[in-house]
Protein backbone atom coordinates (compact mmCIF):
# COMPACT_ATOMS: atom_id res chain seq x y z
CA MET A 1 -57.67 20.53 -27.23
CA LEU A 2 -54.35 18.67 -26.95
CA LYS A 3 -52.84 21.01 -29.54
CA LYS A 4 -53.86 24.11 -27.48
CA SER A 5 -52.39 22.54 -24.33
CA LEU A 6 -49.07 21.86 -26.08
CA ILE A 7 -48.94 25.39 -27.46
CA GLY A 8 -49.68 26.80 -23.99
CA LEU A 9 -47.03 24.59 -22.43
CA ALA A 10 -44.47 25.62 -25.05
CA ALA A 11 -45.28 29.30 -24.45
CA LEU A 12 -44.89 28.83 -20.68
CA VAL A 13 -41.51 27.11 -21.11
CA LEU A 14 -40.37 29.88 -23.48
CA LEU A 15 -41.42 32.61 -21.00
CA GLN A 16 -39.59 30.88 -18.13
CA ALA A 17 -36.45 30.50 -20.22
CA GLN A 18 -36.52 34.20 -21.09
CA ALA A 19 -37.12 35.23 -17.46
CA GLN A 20 -34.07 33.37 -16.09
CA PRO A 21 -30.86 35.40 -16.05
CA GLN A 22 -28.19 34.20 -18.43
CA ARG A 23 -25.18 32.74 -16.61
CA THR A 24 -21.69 32.92 -18.00
CA ILE A 25 -18.80 30.78 -16.91
CA PRO A 26 -15.47 32.47 -17.52
CA THR A 27 -12.75 30.44 -19.12
CA VAL A 28 -9.49 30.48 -17.18
CA THR A 29 -6.41 30.72 -19.36
CA ARG A 30 -3.31 28.66 -18.73
CA THR A 31 -1.39 31.72 -17.50
CA VAL A 32 -4.19 32.83 -15.16
CA GLN A 33 -4.27 29.31 -13.72
CA GLN A 34 -0.48 29.28 -13.34
CA PHE A 35 -0.32 32.65 -11.59
CA SER A 36 -3.38 31.90 -9.45
CA ILE A 37 -1.37 29.02 -8.02
CA LEU A 38 1.69 31.25 -7.48
CA GLU A 39 -0.32 34.07 -5.89
CA ASN A 40 -2.03 31.59 -3.56
CA GLU A 41 1.35 30.09 -2.64
CA LEU A 42 2.49 33.60 -1.72
CA LEU A 43 -0.64 34.18 0.40
CA ASP A 44 -0.24 30.78 2.09
CA ALA A 45 3.44 31.43 2.86
CA VAL A 46 2.52 34.71 4.56
CA SER A 47 -0.47 33.19 6.35
CA HIS A 48 1.66 30.33 7.74
CA ARG A 49 4.70 32.57 8.30
CA ASN A 50 6.73 30.18 6.20
CA VAL A 51 9.94 31.98 5.18
CA GLU A 52 11.18 29.05 3.07
CA ALA A 53 7.96 28.95 1.03
CA LEU A 54 8.03 32.75 0.70
CA ASN A 55 11.61 32.64 -0.61
CA LYS A 56 10.45 30.33 -3.42
CA VAL A 57 8.01 32.90 -4.83
CA VAL A 58 9.30 36.32 -3.71
CA SER A 59 12.62 37.80 -4.85
CA GLU A 60 15.15 39.19 -2.39
CA ASP A 61 14.80 42.66 -3.91
CA PHE A 62 10.98 42.62 -3.78
CA GLU A 63 9.26 45.91 -2.95
CA LEU A 64 5.71 47.01 -2.23
CA ARG A 65 4.30 50.25 -3.60
CA SER A 66 1.02 51.33 -2.05
CA ALA A 67 -1.48 53.91 -3.23
CA SER A 68 -1.29 55.69 0.14
CA ALA A 69 2.45 56.37 -0.27
CA PRO A 70 3.36 55.90 -3.95
CA GLY A 71 6.74 57.62 -3.62
CA ARG A 72 7.89 55.53 -0.66
CA PRO A 73 8.49 51.87 -1.52
CA THR A 74 8.41 49.28 1.24
CA ALA A 75 11.42 46.94 1.02
CA ARG A 76 10.95 43.19 1.32
CA ALA A 77 12.30 42.95 4.89
CA GLU A 78 9.87 45.59 6.19
CA TRP A 79 6.96 44.17 4.14
CA GLN A 80 7.67 40.65 5.40
CA GLN A 81 7.89 41.82 9.01
CA GLN A 82 4.54 43.63 8.71
CA ALA A 83 2.91 40.71 6.86
CA PHE A 84 4.08 38.18 9.45
CA ALA A 85 3.15 40.40 12.42
CA GLY A 86 -0.59 40.53 11.84
CA LYS A 87 -3.17 37.88 12.52
CA PRO A 88 -3.64 35.59 9.49
CA LEU A 89 -6.81 36.51 7.61
CA GLU A 90 -8.86 34.45 5.21
CA SER A 91 -8.79 35.92 1.73
CA SER A 92 -9.48 35.14 -1.91
CA ILE A 93 -8.35 36.31 -5.31
CA GLU A 94 -10.81 37.27 -8.05
CA GLN A 95 -10.82 38.89 -11.49
CA MET A 96 -7.23 38.00 -12.34
CA ALA A 97 -5.59 39.08 -15.57
CA VAL A 98 -2.09 38.14 -16.71
CA HIS A 99 0.01 39.87 -19.35
CA GLU A 100 3.25 38.13 -20.31
CA PHE A 101 6.27 40.00 -21.65
CA GLY A 102 8.98 37.39 -22.14
CA GLU A 103 10.63 36.80 -18.76
CA LEU A 104 8.23 39.26 -17.07
CA ALA A 105 4.55 38.86 -16.28
CA VAL A 106 2.19 41.53 -14.96
CA VAL A 107 -0.60 40.03 -12.85
CA SER A 108 -3.55 42.09 -11.64
CA PHE A 109 -6.40 40.95 -9.42
CA LEU A 110 -8.92 41.88 -6.77
CA TRP A 111 -7.83 40.60 -3.36
CA LYS A 112 -10.80 40.13 -1.03
CA ILE A 113 -9.99 39.91 2.65
CA ASP A 114 -12.43 38.40 5.15
CA ALA A 115 -11.85 40.61 8.17
CA PRO A 116 -14.17 41.88 10.89
CA LYS A 117 -15.98 45.10 9.91
CA ASP A 118 -14.15 47.03 12.63
CA ALA A 119 -10.71 45.80 11.53
CA ALA A 120 -8.31 48.49 10.32
CA VAL A 121 -7.72 46.68 7.04
CA ALA A 122 -9.18 47.20 3.59
CA HIS A 123 -11.60 44.47 2.65
CA GLN A 124 -10.85 44.72 -1.07
CA ILE A 125 -7.48 45.58 -2.53
CA PHE A 126 -6.58 45.98 -6.19
CA VAL A 127 -3.16 44.39 -6.64
CA VAL A 128 -0.72 44.47 -9.55
CA ASP A 129 2.23 42.11 -9.14
CA THR A 130 5.23 41.99 -11.45
CA TRP A 131 6.75 38.52 -11.70
CA LYS A 132 10.13 37.61 -13.20
CA GLN A 133 11.13 34.23 -14.59
CA THR A 134 14.33 33.01 -12.88
CA ASP A 135 16.31 29.79 -13.01
CA SER A 136 14.33 28.58 -9.99
CA GLY A 137 10.91 29.61 -11.34
CA TRP A 138 8.70 32.71 -11.23
CA LYS A 139 9.34 35.23 -8.43
CA ALA A 140 7.36 38.31 -7.45
CA ILE A 141 9.58 41.39 -7.74
CA THR A 142 7.17 44.30 -7.25
CA ARG A 143 3.66 44.68 -5.84
CA TYR A 144 1.44 47.71 -6.34
CA ALA A 145 -1.59 47.79 -4.05
CA ALA A 146 -4.54 50.11 -3.57
CA PRO A 147 -7.67 49.71 -1.47
CA VAL A 148 -10.86 49.56 -3.52
CA ASP A 149 -13.38 52.26 -2.68
CA ALA A 150 -16.80 51.14 -3.92
CA SER A 151 -18.05 54.74 -3.94
CA ALA A 152 -15.15 56.05 -6.05
CA LYS A 153 -15.73 57.14 -9.61
CA PRO A 154 -13.92 55.17 -12.31
CA VAL A 155 -10.69 56.39 -13.82
CA PRO A 156 -11.38 58.42 -16.98
CA GLY A 157 -11.69 55.93 -19.80
CA GLY A 158 -12.12 53.06 -17.34
CA ASP A 159 -15.13 50.78 -17.61
CA THR A 160 -16.81 49.53 -14.44
CA ALA A 161 -19.23 47.21 -16.21
CA ALA A 162 -18.39 43.52 -16.14
CA PRO A 163 -17.17 42.48 -19.57
CA ALA A 164 -19.32 40.19 -21.66
CA ILE A 165 -17.58 36.85 -21.96
CA ARG A 166 -17.84 35.46 -25.44
CA LYS A 167 -17.86 31.74 -26.00
CA LYS A 168 -15.18 30.34 -28.26
CA TYR A 169 -16.13 27.30 -30.24
């Protein structure tokens, strides 16, 4: 009788373990951690309208290229004026990837903005920032930005499925 109870209990535990979704915890690389800090410093500088802090992480010749007007770059002065003019919004950065090329780094991420539903601002923006190593540290030199349309079809060859994260032992 005890043996049947133990077998039944073991089967129940096994079924529950199989029914629970498998959770993965992504490993953050050193460069993703480093540029997460820099990107958040940039967001904080804009949010607090802190020109001194912005100067530490954004180059003087910075430009923004947006998907809505790819042939018309926005110079730093105009971008800064627009960024400082609006009401500060809460936001977060997700799904960051960093590719280093010597003194250059290409950083891409999903920028999620917590704004009212009726606000005339995209709630998710795909951003690609190019950073350059200078004597005073890393500085953003170019930003490419495009609103994310959840209903849009993926780019040919693009994969919308979340990648499986393999554990490294």
